[in-house]
Amino acid sequence: MSEIDLKKVQRESTRWLILATLDAARPIGANERLILSTVQEVIRDVTLLDIRRELDYLDHRKLLEIKGKDTCHGWTAELTRDGVDVVEYTVECDPGIARPKKWW
């Protein structure tokens, strides 16, 4: 039996929850504190640093756009067109995001 990498599962699940949160917040987007509180409902021990790390990862994959990185007011994020397509299951989801299987 293979050993499950719990940290990897948590990172990939956090990424999906971020995308789902930002989809619900469209077209306005959401700030990092709202994203954190939403993700913490599912993954209790996630921190603001974890959220920022995964926001940055998703930004590099062009699934969202981050604003406010250079300010002291906190980050805000908004889905890109590609991010919306991933959340809406209209495109394949590359590894690294724990998107649930489409059941409908």
N, C-alpha and C. Protein backbone atom coordinates (compact mmCIF):
# COMPACT_ATOMS: atom_id res chain seq x y z
N MET A 1 0.84 -1.18 0.00
CA MET A 1 0.00 0.00 0.00
C MET A 1 0.89 1.24 0.00
N SER A 2 0.57 2.21 -0.83
CA SER A 2 1.41 3.41 -0.93
C SER A 2 1.07 4.39 0.19
N GLU A 3 2.08 5.13 0.56
CA GLU A 3 1.91 6.14 1.60
C GLU A 3 1.33 7.41 1.00
N ILE A 4 0.33 7.97 1.64
CA ILE A 4 -0.31 9.19 1.16
C ILE A 4 0.50 10.39 1.64
N ASP A 5 0.80 11.31 0.73
CA ASP A 5 1.50 12.54 1.08
C ASP A 5 0.44 13.56 1.50
N LEU A 6 0.21 13.66 2.79
CA LEU A 6 -0.86 14.53 3.30
C LEU A 6 -0.64 16.00 2.99
N LYS A 7 0.60 16.44 3.00
CA LYS A 7 0.90 17.84 2.67
C LYS A 7 0.53 18.14 1.22
N LYS A 8 0.82 17.20 0.33
CA LYS A 8 0.48 17.37 -1.09
C LYS A 8 -1.04 17.42 -1.25
N VAL A 9 -1.73 16.53 -0.59
CA VAL A 9 -3.20 16.51 -0.66
C VAL A 9 -3.76 17.83 -0.16
N GLN A 10 -3.21 18.36 0.94
CA GLN A 10 -3.67 19.62 1.49
C GLN A 10 -3.41 20.79 0.54
N ARG A 11 -2.22 20.83 -0.06
CA ARG A 11 -1.89 21.90 -1.01
C ARG A 11 -2.84 21.88 -2.20
N GLU A 12 -3.04 20.70 -2.78
CA GLU A 12 -3.88 20.60 -3.96
C GLU A 12 -5.34 20.87 -3.64
N SER A 13 -5.79 20.47 -2.47
CA SER A 13 -7.16 20.76 -2.04
C SER A 13 -7.34 22.25 -1.78
N THR A 14 -6.33 22.87 -1.18
CA THR A 14 -6.38 24.31 -0.94
C THR A 14 -6.49 25.07 -2.26
N ARG A 15 -5.77 24.64 -3.25
CA ARG A 15 -5.83 25.29 -4.57
C ARG A 15 -7.24 25.20 -5.15
N TRP A 16 -7.86 24.04 -5.06
CA TRP A 16 -9.21 23.90 -5.58
C TRP A 16 -10.19 24.79 -4.80
N LEU A 17 -10.06 24.81 -3.48
CA LEU A 17 -10.96 25.63 -2.67
C LEU A 17 -10.79 27.12 -2.97
N ILE A 18 -9.58 27.54 -3.24
CA ILE A 18 -9.34 28.93 -3.64
C ILE A 18 -10.07 29.24 -4.94
N LEU A 19 -9.91 28.35 -5.92
CA LEU A 19 -10.58 28.57 -7.20
C LEU A 19 -12.10 28.60 -7.04
N ALA A 20 -12.64 27.69 -6.25
CA ALA A 20 -14.09 27.64 -6.03
C ALA A 20 -14.57 28.90 -5.31
N THR A 21 -13.80 29.38 -4.35
CA THR A 21 -14.15 30.62 -3.63
C THR A 21 -14.17 31.80 -4.59
N LEU A 22 -13.15 31.90 -5.42
CA LEU A 22 -13.10 33.02 -6.37
C LEU A 22 -14.19 32.92 -7.42
N ASP A 23 -14.60 31.71 -7.77
CA ASP A 23 -15.71 31.55 -8.70
C ASP A 23 -17.00 32.09 -8.07
N ALA A 24 -17.21 31.78 -6.80
CA ALA A 24 -18.39 32.28 -6.09
C ALA A 24 -18.35 33.80 -5.93
N ALA A 25 -17.15 34.38 -5.90
CA ALA A 25 -16.98 35.82 -5.70
C ALA A 25 -16.97 36.61 -7.01
N ARG A 26 -17.14 35.92 -8.14
CA ARG A 26 -17.13 36.61 -9.43
C ARG A 26 -18.31 37.55 -9.55
N PRO A 27 -18.17 38.69 -10.18
CA PRO A 27 -17.01 39.19 -10.91
C PRO A 27 -16.09 40.07 -10.08
N ILE A 28 -16.34 40.18 -8.81
CA ILE A 28 -15.60 41.11 -7.97
C ILE A 28 -14.24 40.56 -7.55
N GLY A 29 -14.17 39.28 -7.25
CA GLY A 29 -12.97 38.71 -6.68
C GLY A 29 -13.07 38.71 -5.17
N ALA A 30 -11.99 38.35 -4.49
CA ALA A 30 -12.00 38.28 -3.03
C ALA A 30 -10.63 38.60 -2.48
N ASN A 31 -10.64 39.09 -1.24
CA ASN A 31 -9.35 39.35 -0.59
C ASN A 31 -8.87 38.10 0.13
N GLU A 32 -7.60 38.11 0.49
CA GLU A 32 -6.98 36.92 1.07
C GLU A 32 -7.62 36.50 2.39
N ARG A 33 -8.15 37.42 3.15
CA ARG A 33 -8.78 37.08 4.44
C ARG A 33 -10.09 36.31 4.22
N LEU A 34 -10.86 36.72 3.23
CA LEU A 34 -12.10 36.00 2.91
C LEU A 34 -11.76 34.60 2.39
N ILE A 35 -10.76 34.51 1.54
CA ILE A 35 -10.33 33.21 1.01
C ILE A 35 -9.86 32.32 2.17
N LEU A 36 -9.07 32.88 3.07
CA LEU A 36 -8.57 32.12 4.22
C LEU A 36 -9.72 31.58 5.06
N SER A 37 -10.68 32.44 5.39
CA SER A 37 -11.78 31.98 6.24
C SER A 37 -12.62 30.91 5.55
N THR A 38 -12.76 31.00 4.24
CA THR A 38 -13.52 30.00 3.50
C THR A 38 -12.77 28.66 3.49
N VAL A 39 -11.49 28.70 3.20
CA VAL A 39 -10.70 27.46 3.14
C VAL A 39 -10.61 26.83 4.52
N GLN A 40 -10.52 27.65 5.58
CA GLN A 40 -10.41 27.11 6.93
C GLN A 40 -11.67 26.36 7.37
N GLU A 41 -12.77 26.57 6.70
CA GLU A 41 -13.98 25.79 7.00
C GLU A 41 -13.78 24.32 6.64
N VAL A 42 -12.89 24.04 5.72
CA VAL A 42 -12.62 22.68 5.27
C VAL A 42 -11.28 22.18 5.80
N ILE A 43 -10.26 23.02 5.73
CA ILE A 43 -8.91 22.65 6.16
C ILE A 43 -8.54 23.58 7.31
N ARG A 44 -8.78 23.14 8.51
CA ARG A 44 -8.65 23.98 9.71
C ARG A 44 -7.28 24.61 9.91
N ASP A 45 -6.21 23.87 9.61
CA ASP A 45 -4.88 24.36 9.96
C ASP A 45 -4.20 25.15 8.85
N VAL A 46 -4.93 25.54 7.82
CA VAL A 46 -4.34 26.36 6.76
C VAL A 46 -4.07 27.77 7.31
N THR A 47 -2.96 28.36 6.89
CA THR A 47 -2.57 29.68 7.37
C THR A 47 -2.63 30.70 6.23
N LEU A 48 -2.51 31.95 6.57
CA LEU A 48 -2.47 33.00 5.56
C LEU A 48 -1.26 32.82 4.65
N LEU A 49 -0.14 32.38 5.19
CA LEU A 49 1.04 32.10 4.37
C LEU A 49 0.75 30.99 3.36
N ASP A 50 0.04 29.95 3.80
CA ASP A 50 -0.34 28.87 2.88
C ASP A 50 -1.22 29.41 1.75
N ILE A 51 -2.17 30.27 2.10
CA ILE A 51 -3.07 30.85 1.09
C ILE A 51 -2.26 31.67 0.10
N ARG A 52 -1.36 32.50 0.59
CA ARG A 52 -0.53 33.31 -0.32
C ARG A 52 0.33 32.44 -1.22
N ARG A 53 0.88 31.39 -0.67
CA ARG A 53 1.72 30.49 -1.45
C ARG A 53 0.91 29.86 -2.59
N GLU A 54 -0.31 29.42 -2.29
CA GLU A 54 -1.13 28.78 -3.32
C GLU A 54 -1.73 29.79 -4.28
N LEU A 55 -2.03 30.99 -3.80
CA LEU A 55 -2.45 32.06 -4.73
C LEU A 55 -1.34 32.34 -5.74
N ASP A 56 -0.12 32.41 -5.24
CA ASP A 56 1.02 32.67 -6.12
C ASP A 56 1.18 31.54 -7.15
N TYR A 57 1.04 30.30 -6.70
CA TYR A 57 1.11 29.15 -7.60
C TYR A 57 0.05 29.25 -8.70
N LEU A 58 -1.19 29.53 -8.30
CA LEU A 58 -2.29 29.64 -9.27
C LEU A 58 -2.11 30.84 -10.20
N ASP A 59 -1.50 31.90 -9.69
CA ASP A 59 -1.19 33.07 -10.52
C ASP A 59 -0.18 32.70 -11.60
N HIS A 60 0.84 31.94 -11.23
CA HIS A 60 1.85 31.51 -12.20
C HIS A 60 1.26 30.58 -13.26
N ARG A 61 0.22 29.86 -12.89
CA ARG A 61 -0.46 29.00 -13.86
C ARG A 61 -1.50 29.75 -14.68
N LYS A 62 -1.62 31.07 -14.42
CA LYS A 62 -2.52 31.95 -15.16
C LYS A 62 -4.00 31.61 -14.94
N LEU A 63 -4.32 31.06 -13.75
CA LEU A 63 -5.71 30.75 -13.44
C LEU A 63 -6.38 31.86 -12.65
N LEU A 64 -5.56 32.73 -12.09
CA LEU A 64 -6.08 33.90 -11.39
C LEU A 64 -5.08 35.03 -11.49
N GLU A 65 -5.56 36.21 -11.12
CA GLU A 65 -4.70 37.41 -11.11
C GLU A 65 -4.72 37.98 -9.71
N ILE A 66 -3.53 38.26 -9.19
CA ILE A 66 -3.39 38.83 -7.85
C ILE A 66 -3.15 40.33 -7.96
N LYS A 67 -3.83 41.07 -7.10
CA LYS A 67 -3.58 42.51 -6.99
C LYS A 67 -3.19 42.81 -5.56
N GLY A 68 -2.37 43.82 -5.38
CA GLY A 68 -2.00 44.26 -4.05
C GLY A 68 -0.78 43.60 -3.45
N LYS A 69 -0.01 42.88 -4.24
CA LYS A 69 1.20 42.25 -3.71
C LYS A 69 2.19 43.28 -3.18
N ASP A 70 2.19 44.45 -3.78
CA ASP A 70 3.15 45.48 -3.42
C ASP A 70 2.63 46.46 -2.38
N THR A 71 1.49 46.20 -1.82
CA THR A 71 0.92 47.12 -0.83
C THR A 71 0.83 46.43 0.53
N CYS A 72 0.53 47.20 1.53
CA CYS A 72 0.36 46.64 2.87
C CYS A 72 -1.11 46.36 3.17
N HIS A 73 -1.96 46.48 2.18
CA HIS A 73 -3.40 46.31 2.39
C HIS A 73 -3.88 44.88 2.16
N GLY A 74 -2.99 43.98 1.84
CA GLY A 74 -3.37 42.59 1.61
C GLY A 74 -3.62 42.30 0.14
N TRP A 75 -3.62 41.03 -0.18
CA TRP A 75 -3.80 40.60 -1.55
C TRP A 75 -5.28 40.43 -1.87
N THR A 76 -5.63 40.69 -3.10
CA THR A 76 -6.94 40.33 -3.62
C THR A 76 -6.70 39.51 -4.88
N ALA A 77 -7.66 38.67 -5.21
CA ALA A 77 -7.49 37.82 -6.38
C ALA A 77 -8.80 37.72 -7.15
N GLU A 78 -8.66 37.47 -8.42
CA GLU A 78 -9.79 37.35 -9.32
C GLU A 78 -9.46 36.26 -10.34
N LEU A 79 -10.44 35.42 -10.68
CA LEU A 79 -10.20 34.38 -11.68
C LEU A 79 -9.96 34.99 -13.05
N THR A 80 -9.09 34.34 -13.82
CA THR A 80 -8.93 34.68 -15.23
C THR A 80 -9.93 33.83 -16.02
N ARG A 81 -9.94 34.04 -17.30
CA ARG A 81 -10.80 33.23 -18.17
C ARG A 81 -10.44 31.75 -18.04
N ASP A 82 -9.14 31.45 -17.99
CA ASP A 82 -8.70 30.07 -17.85
C ASP A 82 -9.12 29.48 -16.51
N GLY A 83 -9.08 30.29 -15.46
CA GLY A 83 -9.52 29.84 -14.14
C GLY A 83 -11.00 29.50 -14.12
N VAL A 84 -11.80 30.33 -14.77
CA VAL A 84 -13.23 30.07 -14.87
C VAL A 84 -13.47 28.76 -15.61
N ASP A 85 -12.74 28.55 -16.69
CA ASP A 85 -12.90 27.31 -17.47
C ASP A 85 -12.57 26.07 -16.63
N VAL A 86 -11.54 26.15 -15.80
CA VAL A 86 -11.19 25.01 -14.93
C VAL A 86 -12.32 24.76 -13.94
N VAL A 87 -12.82 25.80 -13.31
CA VAL A 87 -13.89 25.65 -12.31
C VAL A 87 -15.18 25.13 -12.96
N GLU A 88 -15.45 25.55 -14.16
CA GLU A 88 -16.68 25.15 -14.84
C GLU A 88 -16.52 23.83 -15.61
N TYR A 89 -15.38 23.18 -15.49
CA TYR A 89 -15.13 21.87 -16.12
C TYR A 89 -15.22 21.91 -17.64
N THR A 90 -14.91 23.04 -18.25
CA THR A 90 -14.95 23.11 -19.71
C THR A 90 -13.59 22.80 -20.33
N VAL A 91 -12.55 22.71 -19.50
CA VAL A 91 -11.22 22.31 -19.95
C VAL A 91 -10.67 21.27 -18.99
N GLU A 92 -9.65 20.56 -19.44
CA GLU A 92 -8.97 19.60 -18.57
C GLU A 92 -8.25 20.35 -17.45
N CYS A 93 -8.11 19.70 -16.33
CA CYS A 93 -7.38 20.29 -15.20
C CYS A 93 -6.06 19.55 -15.07
N ASP A 94 -4.97 20.28 -15.26
CA ASP A 94 -3.65 19.69 -15.13
C ASP A 94 -3.40 19.26 -13.68
N PRO A 95 -2.47 18.32 -13.47
CA PRO A 95 -2.14 17.91 -12.11
C PRO A 95 -1.73 19.10 -11.24
N GLY A 96 -1.94 18.96 -9.95
CA GLY A 96 -1.57 20.02 -9.01
C GLY A 96 -2.76 20.69 -8.36
N ILE A 97 -3.96 20.38 -8.85
CA ILE A 97 -5.20 20.93 -8.30
C ILE A 97 -6.15 19.76 -8.06
N ALA A 98 -6.68 19.67 -6.86
CA ALA A 98 -7.56 18.56 -6.50
C ALA A 98 -9.00 18.85 -6.91
N ARG A 99 -9.21 19.03 -8.21
CA ARG A 99 -10.58 19.26 -8.69
C ARG A 99 -11.34 17.94 -8.60
N PRO A 100 -12.52 17.97 -7.97
CA PRO A 100 -13.31 16.73 -7.88
C PRO A 100 -13.71 16.24 -9.27
N LYS A 101 -13.92 14.95 -9.37
CA LYS A 101 -14.37 14.38 -10.63
C LYS A 101 -15.75 14.90 -10.98
N LYS A 102 -15.97 15.15 -12.24
CA LYS A 102 -17.28 15.61 -12.71
C LYS A 102 -18.26 14.44 -12.59
N TRP A 103 -19.38 14.66 -11.95
CA TRP A 103 -20.34 13.59 -11.73
C TRP A 103 -21.63 13.77 -12.53
N TRP A 104 -21.79 14.87 -13.20
CA TRP A 104 -23.01 15.10 -13.96
C TRP A 104 -22.78 14.97 -15.43
